[in-house]
Amino acid sequence: MSAAATVTLPGKLAQPRGLSPTAAGAWLQCELRYAFIFLAGWTEPATIAQFTGNVTHRAVEMLYGLKSAERSRATASELLRLALDEELSKLIYSNLRDLPGISKTVIASGEDALDGLFDLEEPSRITVDASGLEVWVNADLYGAPIRGRIDRLYDAHGAEVIADYKTGKVPPPAYTKKAFFGLWTYAAGLAAADPDHRLADRIELLYLTGRQRLTRPVLRSVALDHARNLAIVWRQILQAAESRQFAARRSRLCDWCPFKPACPAFGSGPAPGTPEHDARLEELDLRRRGNQGAGTAQDRYQSESEVEGTPHDYVHS
């Protein structure tokens, strides 16, 4: 069987409108997977890892939204419980609400991540205000409309730093470059949107559970190369969306893909995009949302979840 199969998708597809790091990473991993999620609107069931990651992210966001003197470890625990209630009320987690001990499990993992945060830094000494939290990026990179959110943009002794929190595993050295994919995207996007095209000084990944901070200086040459590559990806997406032809690529990451049991690259079955194939996806507990277009609301959950606890952590975030 070939490593890739070209698939033509019939039916209604959303028009790509933006490119996030998550969407770009999905495209580079497998064009058909990208099309299923970002154009056809299929979503996979929420996982405990996704839920834990989003609860932790929300708690850390609220913690840094406080005045520096109020950012204590005890307060972080209180915010974790508030974040749990807030996230659990969202429709995306409806499949998890009745799981035995779900709240206890998430709180235990979240507390461990918060311990990691306080091991990595003293929150009361971090110079950041509300405008530097969940920073929305909206920029044009050589024609590619970049969209997404940065966890934290802050000042570190005069240096501007773009930071992202991770609750998944620390990547092995071979995958470190890919782990920074999203932050290079945001560094290039912020510079493009800045009137003076000013670059941030540093990007960093804070692996809370792993108690490790990975940093890179922001070099203009690297940011420009990254921007040009994203523009190529965007053109490829537009061309594929117009032709409706997408490559289904086989790799070791397929073992973590929810579409694998219905993927044409792994054998015969209903043709993708047909009512029969849609029914097969629903049997796999996948659901179809309203067509939102590429790189929109889905990204907050994708970028903070599909990477947690799987090799996807080393692909695009």
C-alpha atoms as a PDB file:
ATOM      1  CA  MET A   1       0.000   0.000   0.000  1.00  0.00           C
ATOM      2  CA  SER A   2       1.361   3.439  -0.863  1.00  0.00           C
ATOM      3  CA  ALA A   3       2.349   5.924   1.819  1.00  0.00           C
ATOM      4  CA  ALA A   4      -0.184   8.440   0.504  1.00  0.00           C
ATOM      5  CA  ALA A   5      -3.499   8.369  -1.307  1.00  0.00           C
ATOM      6  CA  THR A   6      -5.085  11.295  -3.128  1.00  0.00           C
ATOM      7  CA  VAL A   7      -8.701  11.750  -2.061  1.00  0.00           C
ATOM      8  CA  THR A   8     -11.363  13.911  -3.665  1.00  0.00           C
ATOM      9  CA  LEU A   9     -13.882  15.246  -1.159  1.00  0.00           C
ATOM     10  CA  PRO A  10     -17.409  15.922  -2.453  1.00  0.00           C
ATOM     11  CA  GLY A  11     -20.086  17.818  -0.557  1.00  0.00           C
ATOM     12  CA  LYS A  12     -19.950  21.133   1.244  1.00  0.00           C
ATOM     13  CA  LEU A  13     -16.564  22.353   2.461  1.00  0.00           C
ATOM     14  CA  ALA A  14     -15.786  25.582   4.295  1.00  0.00           C
ATOM     15  CA  GLN A  15     -13.601  28.135   2.551  1.00  0.00           C
ATOM     16  CA  PRO A  16     -10.197  28.507   4.284  1.00  0.00           C
ATOM     17  CA  ARG A  17     -10.095  31.923   5.950  1.00  0.00           C
ATOM     18  CA  GLY A  18      -7.095  31.827   8.271  1.00  0.00           C
ATOM     19  CA  LEU A  19      -4.033  29.827   9.166  1.00  0.00           C
ATOM     20  CA  SER A  20      -3.133  28.985  12.752  1.00  0.00           C
ATOM     21  CA  PRO A  21      -0.121  26.960  13.912  1.00  0.00           C
ATOM     22  CA  THR A  22      -2.529  24.102  14.625  1.00  0.00           C
ATOM     23  CA  ALA A  23      -4.030  24.215  11.157  1.00  0.00           C
ATOM     24  CA  ALA A  24      -0.608  24.455   9.498  1.00  0.00           C
ATOM     25  CA  GLY A  25       0.666  21.551  11.577  1.00  0.00           C
ATOM     26  CA  ALA A  26      -2.351  19.445  10.689  1.00  0.00           C
ATOM     27  CA  TRP A  27      -1.793  20.171   6.988  1.00  0.00           C
ATOM     28  CA  LEU A  28       1.883  19.217   7.150  1.00  0.00           C
ATOM     29  CA  GLN A  29       1.003  16.011   8.969  1.00  0.00           C
ATOM     30  CA  CYS A  30      -1.804  14.954   6.620  1.00  0.00           C
ATOM     31  CA  GLU A  31      -3.789  17.007   4.141  1.00  0.00           C
ATOM     32  CA  LEU A  32      -6.877  14.816   4.474  1.00  0.00           C
ATOM     33  CA  ARG A  33      -6.865  15.133   8.249  1.00  0.00           C
ATOM     34  CA  TYR A  34      -6.682  18.911   7.864  1.00  0.00           C
ATOM     35  CA  ALA A  35      -9.614  18.836   5.447  1.00  0.00           C
ATOM     36  CA  PHE A  36     -11.738  16.673   7.735  1.00  0.00           C
ATOM     37  CA  ILE A  37     -11.205  18.995  10.719  1.00  0.00           C
ATOM     38  CA  PHE A  38     -10.921  22.482   9.259  1.00  0.00           C
ATOM     39  CA  LEU A  39     -12.961  22.293   6.064  1.00  0.00           C
ATOM     40  CA  ALA A  40     -15.499  19.506   6.595  1.00  0.00           C
ATOM     41  CA  GLY A  41     -16.013  20.400  10.263  1.00  0.00           C
ATOM     42  CA  TRP A  42     -15.426  17.052  11.973  1.00  0.00           C
ATOM     43  CA  THR A  43     -14.402  17.110  15.629  1.00  0.00           C
ATOM     44  CA  GLU A  44     -13.118  14.309  17.792  1.00  0.00           C
ATOM     45  CA  PRO A  45     -14.372  13.662  21.323  1.00  0.00           C
ATOM     46  CA  ALA A  46     -12.661  15.640  24.045  1.00  0.00           C
ATOM     47  CA  THR A  47     -10.026  13.747  26.020  1.00  0.00           C
ATOM     48  CA  ILE A  48      -9.059  13.944  29.663  1.00  0.00           C
ATOM     49  CA  ALA A  49      -5.630  15.227  28.598  1.00  0.00           C
ATOM     50  CA  GLN A  50      -7.278  18.002  26.591  1.00  0.00           C
ATOM     51  CA  PHE A  51      -9.573  18.892  29.458  1.00  0.00           C
ATOM     52  CA  THR A  52      -6.686  18.940  31.942  1.00  0.00           C
ATOM     53  CA  GLY A  53      -4.587  21.104  29.643  1.00  0.00           C
ATOM     54  CA  ASN A  54      -7.325  23.667  29.145  1.00  0.00           C
ATOM     55  CA  VAL A  55      -8.226  23.811  32.833  1.00  0.00           C
ATOM     56  CA  THR A  56      -4.578  24.370  33.709  1.00  0.00           C
ATOM     57  CA  HIS A  57      -4.135  27.008  31.009  1.00  0.00           C
ATOM     58  CA  ARG A  58      -7.181  28.867  32.260  1.00  0.00           C
ATOM     59  CA  ALA A  59      -6.002  28.748  35.877  1.00  0.00           C
ATOM     60  CA  VAL A  60      -2.570  30.109  34.922  1.00  0.00           C
ATOM     61  CA  GLU A  61      -4.193  32.822  32.808  1.00  0.00           C
ATOM     62  CA  MET A  62      -6.329  33.934  35.753  1.00  0.00           C
ATOM     63  CA  LEU A  63      -3.319  33.790  38.092  1.00  0.00           C
ATOM     64  CA  TYR A  64      -1.305  36.185  35.923  1.00  0.00           C
ATOM     65  CA  GLY A  65      -4.354  38.379  35.572  1.00  0.00           C
ATOM     66  CA  LEU A  66      -3.985  39.236  39.266  1.00  0.00           C
ATOM     67  CA  LYS A  67      -1.689  41.830  40.766  1.00  0.00           C
ATOM     68  CA  SER A  68       1.801  40.429  41.301  1.00  0.00           C
ATOM     69  CA  ALA A  69       1.496  40.336  45.098  1.00  0.00           C
ATOM     70  CA  GLU A  70      -1.662  38.201  44.846  1.00  0.00           C
ATOM     71  CA  ARG A  71      -0.102  35.409  42.765  1.00  0.00           C
ATOM     72  CA  SER A  72       0.425  32.890  45.546  1.00  0.00           C
ATOM     73  CA  ARG A  73       0.457  29.104  45.283  1.00  0.00           C
ATOM     74  CA  ALA A  74      -2.686  28.869  47.408  1.00  0.00           C
ATOM     75  CA  THR A  75      -4.491  31.298  45.120  1.00  0.00           C
ATOM     76  CA  ALA A  76      -3.413  29.234  42.113  1.00  0.00           C
ATOM     77  CA  SER A  77      -5.152  26.193  43.625  1.00  0.00           C
ATOM     78  CA  GLU A  78      -8.338  28.183  44.159  1.00  0.00           C
ATOM     79  CA  LEU A  79      -8.223  29.365  40.556  1.00  0.00           C
ATOM     80  CA  LEU A  80      -7.681  25.809  39.345  1.00  0.00           C
ATOM     81  CA  ARG A  81     -11.008  24.806  40.875  1.00  0.00           C
ATOM     82  CA  LEU A  82     -12.735  27.818  39.368  1.00  0.00           C
ATOM     83  CA  ALA A  83     -11.248  26.913  35.994  1.00  0.00           C
ATOM     84  CA  LEU A  84     -12.465  23.336  36.371  1.00  0.00           C
ATOM     85  CA  ASP A  85     -16.066  24.468  36.865  1.00  0.00           C
ATOM     86  CA  GLU A  86     -15.779  26.985  34.039  1.00  0.00           C
ATOM     87  CA  GLU A  87     -14.373  24.513  31.514  1.00  0.00           C
ATOM     88  CA  LEU A  88     -16.624  21.626  32.543  1.00  0.00           C
ATOM     89  CA  SER A  89     -19.684  23.716  31.655  1.00  0.00           C
ATOM     90  CA  LYS A  90     -18.589  23.885  28.011  1.00  0.00           C
ATOM     91  CA  LEU A  91     -20.311  21.699  25.468  1.00  0.00           C
ATOM     92  CA  ILE A  92     -17.046  20.314  24.133  1.00  0.00           C
ATOM     93  CA  TYR A  93     -16.597  18.334  27.369  1.00  0.00           C
ATOM     94  CA  SER A  94     -20.063  16.803  27.506  1.00  0.00           C
ATOM     95  CA  ASN A  95     -18.615  13.325  26.927  1.00  0.00           C
ATOM     96  CA  LEU A  96     -16.433  13.638  30.047  1.00  0.00           C
ATOM     97  CA  ARG A  97     -18.813  15.034  32.644  1.00  0.00           C
ATOM     98  CA  ASP A  98     -20.155  11.698  33.882  1.00  0.00           C
ATOM     99  CA  LEU A  99     -16.838   9.871  34.048  1.00  0.00           C
ATOM    100  CA  PRO A 100     -16.186   8.606  37.601  1.00  0.00           C
ATOM    101  CA  GLY A 101     -13.626  10.739  39.409  1.00  0.00           C
ATOM    102  CA  ILE A 102     -13.049  13.080  36.470  1.00  0.00           C
ATOM    103  CA  SER A 103     -12.834  16.215  38.631  1.00  0.00           C
ATOM    104  CA  LYS A 104     -10.441  14.569  41.091  1.00  0.00           C
ATOM    105  CA  THR A 105      -8.225  13.356  38.254  1.00  0.00           C
ATOM    106  CA  VAL A 106      -8.062  16.749  36.578  1.00  0.00           C
ATOM    107  CA  ILE A 107      -7.409  18.597  39.828  1.00  0.00           C
ATOM    108  CA  ALA A 108      -4.565  16.227  40.735  1.00  0.00           C
ATOM    109  CA  SER A 109      -2.913  16.690  37.343  1.00  0.00           C
ATOM    110  CA  GLY A 110      -3.547  20.436  37.413  1.00  0.00           C
ATOM    111  CA  GLU A 111      -1.998  20.800  40.874  1.00  0.00           C
ATOM    112  CA  ASP A 112       1.095  18.968  39.652  1.00  0.00           C
ATOM    113  CA  ALA A 113       1.316  21.350  36.687  1.00  0.00           C
ATOM    114  CA  LEU A 114       0.930  24.361  38.980  1.00  0.00           C
ATOM    115  CA  ASP A 115       3.709  23.005  41.203  1.00  0.00           C
ATOM    116  CA  GLY A 116       5.779  22.882  38.032  1.00  0.00           C
ATOM    117  CA  LEU A 117       4.959  26.492  37.231  1.00  0.00           C
ATOM    118  CA  PHE A 118       6.122  27.638  40.656  1.00  0.00           C
ATOM    119  CA  ASP A 119       9.249  25.479  40.316  1.00  0.00           C
ATOM    120  CA  LEU A 120      10.079  27.164  37.010  1.00  0.00           C
ATOM    121  CA  GLU A 121       9.410  30.745  38.095  1.00  0.00           C
ATOM    122  CA  GLU A 122       8.058  32.943  40.839  1.00  0.00           C
ATOM    123  CA  PRO A 123       4.788  34.311  39.411  1.00  0.00           C
ATOM    124  CA  SER A 124       4.883  37.393  41.620  1.00  0.00           C
ATOM    125  CA  ARG A 125       8.090  38.456  39.859  1.00  0.00           C
ATOM    126  CA  ILE A 126       6.786  38.085  36.306  1.00  0.00           C
ATOM    127  CA  THR A 127       6.092  41.431  34.623  1.00  0.00           C
ATOM    128  CA  VAL A 128       2.881  40.916  32.677  1.00  0.00           C
ATOM    129  CA  ASP A 129      -0.506  42.572  32.594  1.00  0.00           C
ATOM    130  CA  ALA A 130      -3.882  41.635  31.171  1.00  0.00           C
ATOM    131  CA  SER A 131      -2.966  42.836  27.678  1.00  0.00           C
ATOM    132  CA  GLY A 132      -0.151  40.283  27.604  1.00  0.00           C
ATOM    133  CA  LEU A 133      -2.377  37.278  28.308  1.00  0.00           C
ATOM    134  CA  GLU A 134      -4.126  35.266  25.589  1.00  0.00           C
ATOM    135  CA  VAL A 135      -2.825  37.727  23.020  1.00  0.00           C
ATOM    136  CA  TRP A 136      -4.706  37.513  19.725  1.00  0.00           C
ATOM    137  CA  VAL A 137      -2.451  37.463  16.650  1.00  0.00           C
ATOM    138  CA  ASN A 138      -3.904  38.626  13.338  1.00  0.00           C
ATOM    139  CA  ALA A 139      -1.287  39.176  10.640  1.00  0.00           C
ATOM    140  CA  ASP A 140      -0.456  38.697   6.984  1.00  0.00           C
ATOM    141  CA  LEU A 141       2.696  36.733   6.168  1.00  0.00           C
ATOM    142  CA  TYR A 142       3.409  36.923   2.453  1.00  0.00           C
ATOM    143  CA  GLY A 143      -0.292  36.477   1.770  1.00  0.00           C
ATOM    144  CA  ALA A 144      -0.980  33.917   4.505  1.00  0.00           C
ATOM    145  CA  PRO A 145      -3.590  35.201   7.014  1.00  0.00           C
ATOM    146  CA  ILE A 146      -2.158  34.122  10.360  1.00  0.00           C
ATOM    147  CA  ARG A 147      -4.570  33.729  13.272  1.00  0.00           C
ATOM    148  CA  GLY A 148      -4.103  32.453  16.816  1.00  0.00           C
ATOM    149  CA  ARG A 149      -3.526  33.193  20.478  1.00  0.00           C
ATOM    150  CA  ILE A 150      -0.333  33.514  22.514  1.00  0.00           C
ATOM    151  CA  ASP A 151      -0.472  32.307  26.111  1.00  0.00           C
ATOM    152  CA  ARG A 152       1.768  35.076  27.418  1.00  0.00           C
ATOM    153  CA  LEU A 153       3.684  38.052  26.073  1.00  0.00           C
ATOM    154  CA  TYR A 154       5.795  39.585  28.825  1.00  0.00           C
ATOM    155  CA  ASP A 155       8.838  41.620  29.780  1.00  0.00           C
ATOM    156  CA  ALA A 156      11.843  39.773  31.203  1.00  0.00           C
ATOM    157  CA  HIS A 157      14.350  42.372  32.388  1.00  0.00           C
ATOM    158  CA  GLY A 158      13.850  44.464  29.263  1.00  0.00           C
ATOM    159  CA  ALA A 159      13.483  41.571  26.826  1.00  0.00           C
ATOM    160  CA  GLU A 160      10.134  40.880  25.162  1.00  0.00           C
ATOM    161  CA  VAL A 161       9.293  37.185  25.486  1.00  0.00           C
ATOM    162  CA  ILE A 162       6.590  35.102  23.795  1.00  0.00           C
ATOM    163  CA  ALA A 163       5.732  32.187  26.066  1.00  0.00           C
ATOM    164  CA  ASP A 164       3.553  29.102  25.757  1.00  0.00           C
ATOM    165  CA  TYR A 165       2.565  26.737  28.572  1.00  0.00           C
ATOM    166  CA  LYS A 166       2.595  22.980  27.996  1.00  0.00           C
ATOM    167  CA  THR A 167       1.135  20.228  30.183  1.00  0.00           C
ATOM    168  CA  GLY A 168       2.364  17.420  27.931  1.00  0.00           C
ATOM    169  CA  LYS A 169       5.720  15.685  27.852  1.00  0.00           C
ATOM    170  CA  VAL A 170       8.971  17.486  27.220  1.00  0.00           C
ATOM    171  CA  PRO A 171       9.987  16.650  23.635  1.00  0.00           C
ATOM    172  CA  PRO A 172      13.149  14.641  23.020  1.00  0.00           C
ATOM    173  CA  PRO A 173      15.964  16.585  21.344  1.00  0.00           C
ATOM    174  CA  ALA A 174      15.055  15.297  17.865  1.00  0.00           C
ATOM    175  CA  TYR A 175      11.630  16.959  18.121  1.00  0.00           C
ATOM    176  CA  THR A 176      12.545  20.223  19.837  1.00  0.00           C
ATOM    177  CA  LYS A 177      12.600  22.197  16.589  1.00  0.00           C
ATOM    178  CA  LYS A 178       9.059  21.082  15.744  1.00  0.00           C
ATOM    179  CA  ALA A 179       7.920  21.938  19.268  1.00  0.00           C
ATOM    180  CA  PHE A 180       8.713  25.593  18.548  1.00  0.00           C
ATOM    181  CA  PHE A 181       6.657  25.672  15.321  1.00  0.00           C
ATOM    182  CA  GLY A 182       3.775  27.602  16.878  1.00  0.00           C
ATOM    183  CA  LEU A 183       5.942  30.154  18.638  1.00  0.00           C
ATOM    184  CA  TRP A 184       7.933  30.923  15.487  1.00  0.00           C
ATOM    185  CA  THR A 185       4.597  31.483  13.773  1.00  0.00           C
ATOM    186  CA  TYR A 186       3.534  33.950  16.438  1.00  0.00           C
ATOM    187  CA  ALA A 187       6.916  35.691  16.498  1.00  0.00           C
ATOM    188  CA  ALA A 188       6.712  36.247  12.738  1.00  0.00           C
ATOM    189  CA  GLY A 189       3.046  37.263  12.964  1.00  0.00           C
ATOM    190  CA  LEU A 190       3.612  39.830  15.706  1.00  0.00           C
ATOM    191  CA  ALA A 191       6.503  41.368  13.793  1.00  0.00           C
ATOM    192  CA  ALA A 192       4.428  41.567  10.610  1.00  0.00           C
ATOM    193  CA  ALA A 193       1.594  43.279  12.465  1.00  0.00           C
ATOM    194  CA  ASP A 194       3.918  45.750  14.203  1.00  0.00           C
ATOM    195  CA  PRO A 195       4.259  49.127  12.380  1.00  0.00           C
ATOM    196  CA  ASP A 196       8.036  48.955  12.817  1.00  0.00           C
ATOM    197  CA  HIS A 197       8.205  45.180  12.180  1.00  0.00           C
ATOM    198  CA  ARG A 198       9.858  44.806  15.550  1.00  0.00           C
ATOM    199  CA  LEU A 199      10.654  41.253  16.626  1.00  0.00           C
ATOM    200  CA  ALA A 200      10.297  39.832  20.104  1.00  0.00           C
ATOM    201  CA  ASP A 201      13.614  38.984  21.750  1.00  0.00           C
ATOM    202  CA  ARG A 202      12.892  35.434  22.804  1.00  0.00           C
ATOM    203  CA  ILE A 203      10.408  32.570  22.541  1.00  0.00           C
ATOM    204  CA  GLU A 204       9.994  29.991  25.268  1.00  0.00           C
ATOM    205  CA  LEU A 205       8.056  26.832  26.054  1.00  0.00           C
ATOM    206  CA  LEU A 206       7.229  26.158  29.696  1.00  0.00           C
ATOM    207  CA  TYR A 207       6.678  22.427  30.234  1.00  0.00           C
ATOM    208  CA  LEU A 208       4.909  22.588  33.568  1.00  0.00           C
ATOM    209  CA  THR A 209       4.653  18.889  34.356  1.00  0.00           C
ATOM    210  CA  GLY A 210       8.181  18.251  33.097  1.00  0.00           C
ATOM    211  CA  ARG A 211       9.580  21.252  35.005  1.00  0.00           C
ATOM    212  CA  GLN A 212      11.568  22.437  32.022  1.00  0.00           C
ATOM    213  CA  ARG A 213      11.807  25.724  30.144  1.00  0.00           C
ATOM    214  CA  LEU A 214      12.991  25.643  26.528  1.00  0.00           C
ATOM    215  CA  THR A 215      14.055  28.962  25.005  1.00  0.00           C
ATOM    216  CA  ARG A 216      15.271  30.278  21.676  1.00  0.00           C
ATOM    217  CA  PRO A 217      16.423  33.759  20.613  1.00  0.00           C
ATOM    218  CA  VAL A 218      14.253  35.252  17.874  1.00  0.00           C
ATOM    219  CA  LEU A 219      16.436  35.669  14.797  1.00  0.00           C
ATOM    220  CA  ARG A 220      15.046  37.697  11.900  1.00  0.00           C
ATOM    221  CA  SER A 221      16.398  35.292   9.268  1.00  0.00           C
ATOM    222  CA  VAL A 222      14.701  32.327  10.928  1.00  0.00           C
ATOM    223  CA  ALA A 223      11.418  34.204  11.368  1.00  0.00           C
ATOM    224  CA  LEU A 224      11.436  35.233   7.702  1.00  0.00           C
ATOM    225  CA  ASP A 225      12.116  31.677   6.526  1.00  0.00           C
ATOM    226  CA  HIS A 226       9.282  30.440   8.733  1.00  0.00           C
ATOM    227  CA  ALA A 227       6.938  33.087   7.339  1.00  0.00           C
ATOM    228  CA  ARG A 228       7.778  32.124   3.763  1.00  0.00           C
ATOM    229  CA  ASN A 229       7.141  28.451   4.521  1.00  0.00           C
ATOM    230  CA  LEU A 230       3.748  29.310   6.016  1.00  0.00           C
ATOM    231  CA  ALA A 231       2.906  31.229   2.841  1.00  0.00           C
ATOM    232  CA  ILE A 232       3.699  28.109   0.824  1.00  0.00           C
ATOM    233  CA  VAL A 233       1.452  26.041   3.089  1.00  0.00           C
ATOM    234  CA  TRP A 234      -1.368  28.551   2.656  1.00  0.00           C
ATOM    235  CA  ARG A 235      -1.117  28.465  -1.129  1.00  0.00           C
ATOM    236  CA  GLN A 236      -1.182  24.671  -1.032  1.00  0.00           C
ATOM    237  CA  ILE A 237      -4.308  24.739   1.129  1.00  0.00           C
ATOM    238  CA  LEU A 238      -6.101  27.149  -1.197  1.00  0.00           C
ATOM    239  CA  GLN A 239      -5.205  25.074  -4.242  1.00  0.00           C
ATOM    240  CA  ALA A 240      -6.346  21.843  -2.604  1.00  0.00           C
ATOM    241  CA  ALA A 241      -9.588  23.432  -1.386  1.00  0.00           C
ATOM    242  CA  GLU A 242     -10.322  24.588  -4.921  1.00  0.00           C
ATOM    243  CA  SER A 243      -9.573  21.207  -6.494  1.00  0.00           C
ATOM    244  CA  ARG A 244     -11.051  19.309  -3.516  1.00  0.00           C
ATOM    245  CA  GLN A 245      -8.107  16.916  -3.705  1.00  0.00           C
ATOM    246  CA  PHE A 246      -6.176  16.087  -0.543  1.00  0.00           C
ATOM    247  CA  ALA A 247      -3.327  13.679   0.166  1.00  0.00           C
ATOM    248  CA  ALA A 248      -3.891  11.124   2.920  1.00  0.00           C
ATOM    249  CA  ARG A 249      -0.364  10.617   4.249  1.00  0.00           C
ATOM    250  CA  ARG A 250       0.606   7.561   6.266  1.00  0.00           C
ATOM    251  CA  SER A 251       3.047   7.925   9.153  1.00  0.00           C
ATOM    252  CA  ARG A 252       3.541   6.708  12.701  1.00  0.00           C
ATOM    253  CA  LEU A 253       1.300   9.551  13.851  1.00  0.00           C
ATOM    254  CA  CYS A 254      -1.646   7.792  12.211  1.00  0.00           C
ATOM    255  CA  ASP A 255      -1.901   5.582  15.301  1.00  0.00           C
ATOM    256  CA  TRP A 256      -3.170   8.641  17.190  1.00  0.00           C
ATOM    257  CA  CYS A 257      -5.498   9.886  14.465  1.00  0.00           C
ATOM    258  CA  PRO A 258      -9.233   9.370  15.122  1.00  0.00           C
ATOM    259  CA  PHE A 259      -9.887   9.178  11.373  1.00  0.00           C
ATOM    260  CA  LYS A 260      -7.594   6.175  10.822  1.00  0.00           C
ATOM    261  CA  PRO A 261     -10.361   3.499  10.932  1.00  0.00           C
ATOM    262  CA  ALA A 262     -12.121   5.318   8.077  1.00  0.00           C
ATOM    263  CA  CYS A 263      -9.039   6.498   6.165  1.00  0.00           C
ATOM    264  CA  PRO A 264      -8.676   5.382   2.534  1.00  0.00           C
ATOM    265  CA  ALA A 265      -4.900   5.123   2.983  1.00  0.00           C
ATOM    266  CA  PHE A 266      -5.506   2.107   5.241  1.00  0.00           C
ATOM    267  CA  GLY A 267      -7.838   0.040   3.109  1.00  0.00           C
ATOM    268  CA  SER A 268     -11.152  -0.067   1.349  1.00  0.00           C
ATOM    269  CA  GLY A 269     -14.360   1.426   2.641  1.00  0.00           C
ATOM    270  CA  PRO A 270     -16.860   4.187   1.919  1.00  0.00           C
ATOM    271  CA  ALA A 271     -15.405   7.054  -0.074  1.00  0.00           C
ATOM    272  CA  PRO A 272     -14.695  10.119   2.108  1.00  0.00           C
ATOM    273  CA  GLY A 273     -17.330  12.820   1.815  1.00  0.00           C
ATOM    274  CA  THR A 274     -20.145  10.408   1.010  1.00  0.00           C
ATOM    275  CA  PRO A 275     -23.111   9.826   3.354  1.00  0.00           C
ATOM    276  CA  GLU A 276     -21.786   6.321   4.018  1.00  0.00           C
ATOM    277  CA  HIS A 277     -18.398   7.671   5.096  1.00  0.00           C
ATOM    278  CA  ASP A 278     -20.060  10.328   7.266  1.00  0.00           C
ATOM    279  CA  ALA A 279     -22.026   7.569   8.974  1.00  0.00           C
ATOM    280  CA  ARG A 280     -18.787   5.662   9.589  1.00  0.00           C
ATOM    281  CA  LEU A 281     -17.210   8.706  11.206  1.00  0.00           C
ATOM    282  CA  GLU A 282     -20.235   9.110  13.463  1.00  0.00           C
ATOM    283  CA  GLU A 283     -19.827   5.458  14.486  1.00  0.00           C
ATOM    284  CA  LEU A 284     -16.319   6.420  15.605  1.00  0.00           C
ATOM    285  CA  ASP A 285     -17.901   9.041  17.922  1.00  0.00           C
ATOM    286  CA  LEU A 286     -16.848  11.925  15.693  1.00  0.00           C
ATOM    287  CA  ARG A 287     -19.258  14.818  15.298  1.00  0.00           C
ATOM    288  CA  ARG A 288     -19.713  17.525  12.703  1.00  0.00           C
ATOM    289  CA  ARG A 289     -19.826  21.147  13.782  1.00  0.00           C
ATOM    290  CA  GLY A 290     -21.058  24.096  11.774  1.00  0.00           C
ATOM    291  CA  ASN A 291     -18.624  25.081   9.044  1.00  0.00           C
ATOM    292  CA  GLN A 292     -16.358  27.686  10.629  1.00  0.00           C
ATOM    293  CA  GLY A 293     -13.525  27.744   8.144  1.00  0.00           C
ATOM    294  CA  ALA A 294      -9.886  27.039   8.762  1.00  0.00           C
ATOM    295  CA  GLY A 295      -8.095  28.436  11.765  1.00  0.00           C
ATOM    296  CA  THR A 296     -11.065  29.689  13.797  1.00  0.00           C
ATOM    297  CA  ALA A 297     -12.661  28.810  17.127  1.00  0.00           C
ATOM    298  CA  GLN A 298     -11.679  25.159  16.891  1.00  0.00           C
ATOM    299  CA  ASP A 299      -8.052  26.124  17.240  1.00  0.00           C
ATOM    300  CA  ARG A 300      -8.144  26.984  20.917  1.00  0.00           C
ATOM    301  CA  TYR A 301      -9.110  23.414  21.717  1.00  0.00           C
ATOM    302  CA  GLN A 302      -6.959  21.792  19.051  1.00  0.00           C
ATOM    303  CA  SER A 303      -3.817  23.672  19.947  1.00  0.00           C
ATOM    304  CA  GLU A 304      -4.131  22.955  23.645  1.00  0.00           C
ATOM    305  CA  SER A 305      -5.348  19.386  23.404  1.00  0.00           C
ATOM    306  CA  GLU A 306      -4.491  17.190  20.500  1.00  0.00           C
ATOM    307  CA  VAL A 307      -0.839  17.547  21.405  1.00  0.00           C
ATOM    308  CA  GLU A 308      -1.172  16.461  25.018  1.00  0.00           C
ATOM    309  CA  GLY A 309       0.188  13.034  25.788  1.00  0.00           C
ATOM    310  CA  THR A 310       0.748  11.935  22.182  1.00  0.00           C
ATOM    311  CA  PRO A 311       3.463  12.361  19.581  1.00  0.00           C
ATOM    312  CA  HIS A 312       1.398  15.253  18.189  1.00  0.00           C
ATOM    313  CA  ASP A 313       3.075  17.249  20.956  1.00  0.00           C
ATOM    314  CA  TYR A 314       6.198  17.226  18.820  1.00  0.00           C
ATOM    315  CA  VAL A 315       4.542  18.108  15.524  1.00  0.00           C
ATOM    316  CA  HIS A 316       3.254  21.619  15.644  1.00  0.00           C
ATOM    317  CA  SER A 317       3.046  23.151  19.068  1.00  0.00           C
END
